[in-house]
Amino acid sequence: MAIRLPRMVSSKKVPKGYFAVYVGENQKRFVIPVSFLNHPSFQDLLGKSEEEFGYSHPTGGLTIPCNEDTFLEVTSRMY
């Protein structure tokens, strides 16, 4: 499951081995393990992100174009 670290949101720091993504209409920031990059389900999300945004993301960070519930459902199966 993706972890949301509220203290990280304000400081913009991400622990080693993790990266931040922005999800949903409200662009919630989630900090997730780098290991997710190898998971086929997450690669599907990355493909959708590329289709929608190319390599220009509105937040300056990686934006995943799905709602938060879908994102949490997908990432919860990756552990």
C-alpha atoms as a PDB file:
ATOM      1  CA  MET A   1       0.000   0.000   0.000  1.00  0.00           C
ATOM      2  CA  ALA A   2       1.207   3.509  -0.691  1.00  0.00           C
ATOM      3  CA  ILE A   3       2.015   5.435   2.401  1.00  0.00           C
ATOM      4  CA  ARG A   4       0.980   8.997   2.860  1.00  0.00           C
ATOM      5  CA  LEU A   5       3.373  10.867   5.082  1.00  0.00           C
ATOM      6  CA  PRO A   6       1.815  14.209   6.030  1.00  0.00           C
ATOM      7  CA  ARG A   7       5.033  15.554   7.527  1.00  0.00           C
ATOM      8  CA  MET A   8       6.764  14.825   4.225  1.00  0.00           C
ATOM      9  CA  VAL A   9       4.217  16.837   2.263  1.00  0.00           C
ATOM     10  CA  SER A  10       5.162  20.071   3.952  1.00  0.00           C
ATOM     11  CA  SER A  11       8.896  19.514   3.866  1.00  0.00           C
ATOM     12  CA  LYS A  12       8.997  17.943   0.378  1.00  0.00           C
ATOM     13  CA  LYS A  13      11.665  15.517   1.611  1.00  0.00           C
ATOM     14  CA  VAL A  14      11.442  11.912   0.519  1.00  0.00           C
ATOM     15  CA  PRO A  15      13.281   9.117   2.336  1.00  0.00           C
ATOM     16  CA  LYS A  16      15.910   7.126   0.501  1.00  0.00           C
ATOM     17  CA  GLY A  17      14.307   4.292  -1.487  1.00  0.00           C
ATOM     18  CA  TYR A  18      11.013   6.145  -1.982  1.00  0.00           C
ATOM     19  CA  PHE A  19       9.608   8.701  -4.395  1.00  0.00           C
ATOM     20  CA  ALA A  20       6.630  11.040  -4.449  1.00  0.00           C
ATOM     21  CA  VAL A  21       3.671  10.917  -6.816  1.00  0.00           C
ATOM     22  CA  TYR A  22       0.601  13.126  -7.082  1.00  0.00           C
ATOM     23  CA  VAL A  23      -2.784  11.453  -7.457  1.00  0.00           C
ATOM     24  CA  GLY A  24      -6.387  12.478  -8.052  1.00  0.00           C
ATOM     25  CA  GLU A  25      -8.214  15.731  -8.628  1.00  0.00           C
ATOM     26  CA  ASN A  26      -6.758  17.268  -5.490  1.00  0.00           C
ATOM     27  CA  GLN A  27      -3.243  16.112  -6.373  1.00  0.00           C
ATOM     28  CA  LYS A  28      -2.652  14.318  -3.062  1.00  0.00           C
ATOM     29  CA  ARG A  29       0.993  13.525  -2.563  1.00  0.00           C
ATOM     30  CA  PHE A  30       1.934   9.926  -1.807  1.00  0.00           C
ATOM     31  CA  VAL A  31       5.394   8.650  -0.975  1.00  0.00           C
ATOM     32  CA  ILE A  32       5.880   5.125  -2.307  1.00  0.00           C
ATOM     33  CA  PRO A  33       8.750   2.627  -2.543  1.00  0.00           C
ATOM     34  CA  VAL A  34      10.976   2.722  -5.620  1.00  0.00           C
ATOM     35  CA  SER A  35      10.401  -1.045  -5.906  1.00  0.00           C
ATOM     36  CA  PHE A  36       6.900  -0.280  -7.226  1.00  0.00           C
ATOM     37  CA  LEU A  37       8.504   0.846 -10.493  1.00  0.00           C
ATOM     38  CA  ASN A  38       9.095  -2.800 -11.439  1.00  0.00           C
ATOM     39  CA  HIS A  39       5.528  -3.925 -10.766  1.00  0.00           C
ATOM     40  CA  PRO A  40       3.402  -4.432 -13.923  1.00  0.00           C
ATOM     41  CA  SER A  41       0.332  -2.746 -12.365  1.00  0.00           C
ATOM     42  CA  PHE A  42       2.342   0.354 -11.520  1.00  0.00           C
ATOM     43  CA  GLN A  43       3.899   0.345 -14.980  1.00  0.00           C
ATOM     44  CA  ASP A  44       0.343   0.475 -16.362  1.00  0.00           C
ATOM     45  CA  LEU A  45      -0.285   3.593 -14.260  1.00  0.00           C
ATOM     46  CA  LEU A  46       2.946   5.109 -15.546  1.00  0.00           C
ATOM     47  CA  GLY A  47       1.827   4.410 -19.122  1.00  0.00           C
ATOM     48  CA  LYS A  48      -1.451   6.242 -18.490  1.00  0.00           C
ATOM     49  CA  SER A  49       0.514   9.119 -17.006  1.00  0.00           C
ATOM     50  CA  GLU A  50       2.715   9.303 -20.091  1.00  0.00           C
ATOM     51  CA  GLU A  51      -0.331   9.227 -22.396  1.00  0.00           C
ATOM     52  CA  GLU A  52      -2.039  12.049 -20.532  1.00  0.00           C
ATOM     53  CA  PHE A  53       0.879  14.301 -19.579  1.00  0.00           C
ATOM     54  CA  GLY A  54       3.835  13.179 -21.659  1.00  0.00           C
ATOM     55  CA  TYR A  55       6.900  14.263 -19.733  1.00  0.00           C
ATOM     56  CA  SER A  56       5.446  17.575 -18.591  1.00  0.00           C
ATOM     57  CA  HIS A  57       3.638  17.141 -15.286  1.00  0.00           C
ATOM     58  CA  PRO A  58       1.585  20.045 -13.911  1.00  0.00           C
ATOM     59  CA  THR A  59       2.847  19.679 -10.339  1.00  0.00           C
ATOM     60  CA  GLY A  60       6.489  19.422 -11.338  1.00  0.00           C
ATOM     61  CA  GLY A  61       6.410  15.874  -9.976  1.00  0.00           C
ATOM     62  CA  LEU A  62       5.078  12.598 -11.299  1.00  0.00           C
ATOM     63  CA  THR A  63       1.293  12.819 -11.656  1.00  0.00           C
ATOM     64  CA  ILE A  64      -0.781   9.633 -11.808  1.00  0.00           C
ATOM     65  CA  PRO A  65      -4.076  10.218 -13.671  1.00  0.00           C
ATOM     66  CA  CYS A  66      -6.487   8.154 -11.585  1.00  0.00           C
ATOM     67  CA  ASN A  67      -8.567   8.714  -8.493  1.00  0.00           C
ATOM     68  CA  GLU A  68      -7.083   8.119  -5.059  1.00  0.00           C
ATOM     69  CA  ASP A  69      -9.178   5.008  -4.360  1.00  0.00           C
ATOM     70  CA  THR A  70      -7.974   3.312  -7.541  1.00  0.00           C
ATOM     71  CA  PHE A  71      -4.376   4.237  -6.765  1.00  0.00           C
ATOM     72  CA  LEU A  72      -4.622   2.854  -3.240  1.00  0.00           C
ATOM     73  CA  GLU A  73      -6.276  -0.325  -4.498  1.00  0.00           C
ATOM     74  CA  VAL A  74      -3.538  -0.918  -7.078  1.00  0.00           C
ATOM     75  CA  THR A  75      -0.651  -0.139  -4.728  1.00  0.00           C
ATOM     76  CA  SER A  76      -2.086  -2.189  -1.857  1.00  0.00           C
ATOM     77  CA  ARG A  77      -1.633  -5.300  -4.013  1.00  0.00           C
ATOM     78  CA  MET A  78       2.071  -4.628  -4.571  1.00  0.00           C
ATOM     79  CA  TYR A  79       3.376  -5.604  -1.147  1.00  0.00           C
END
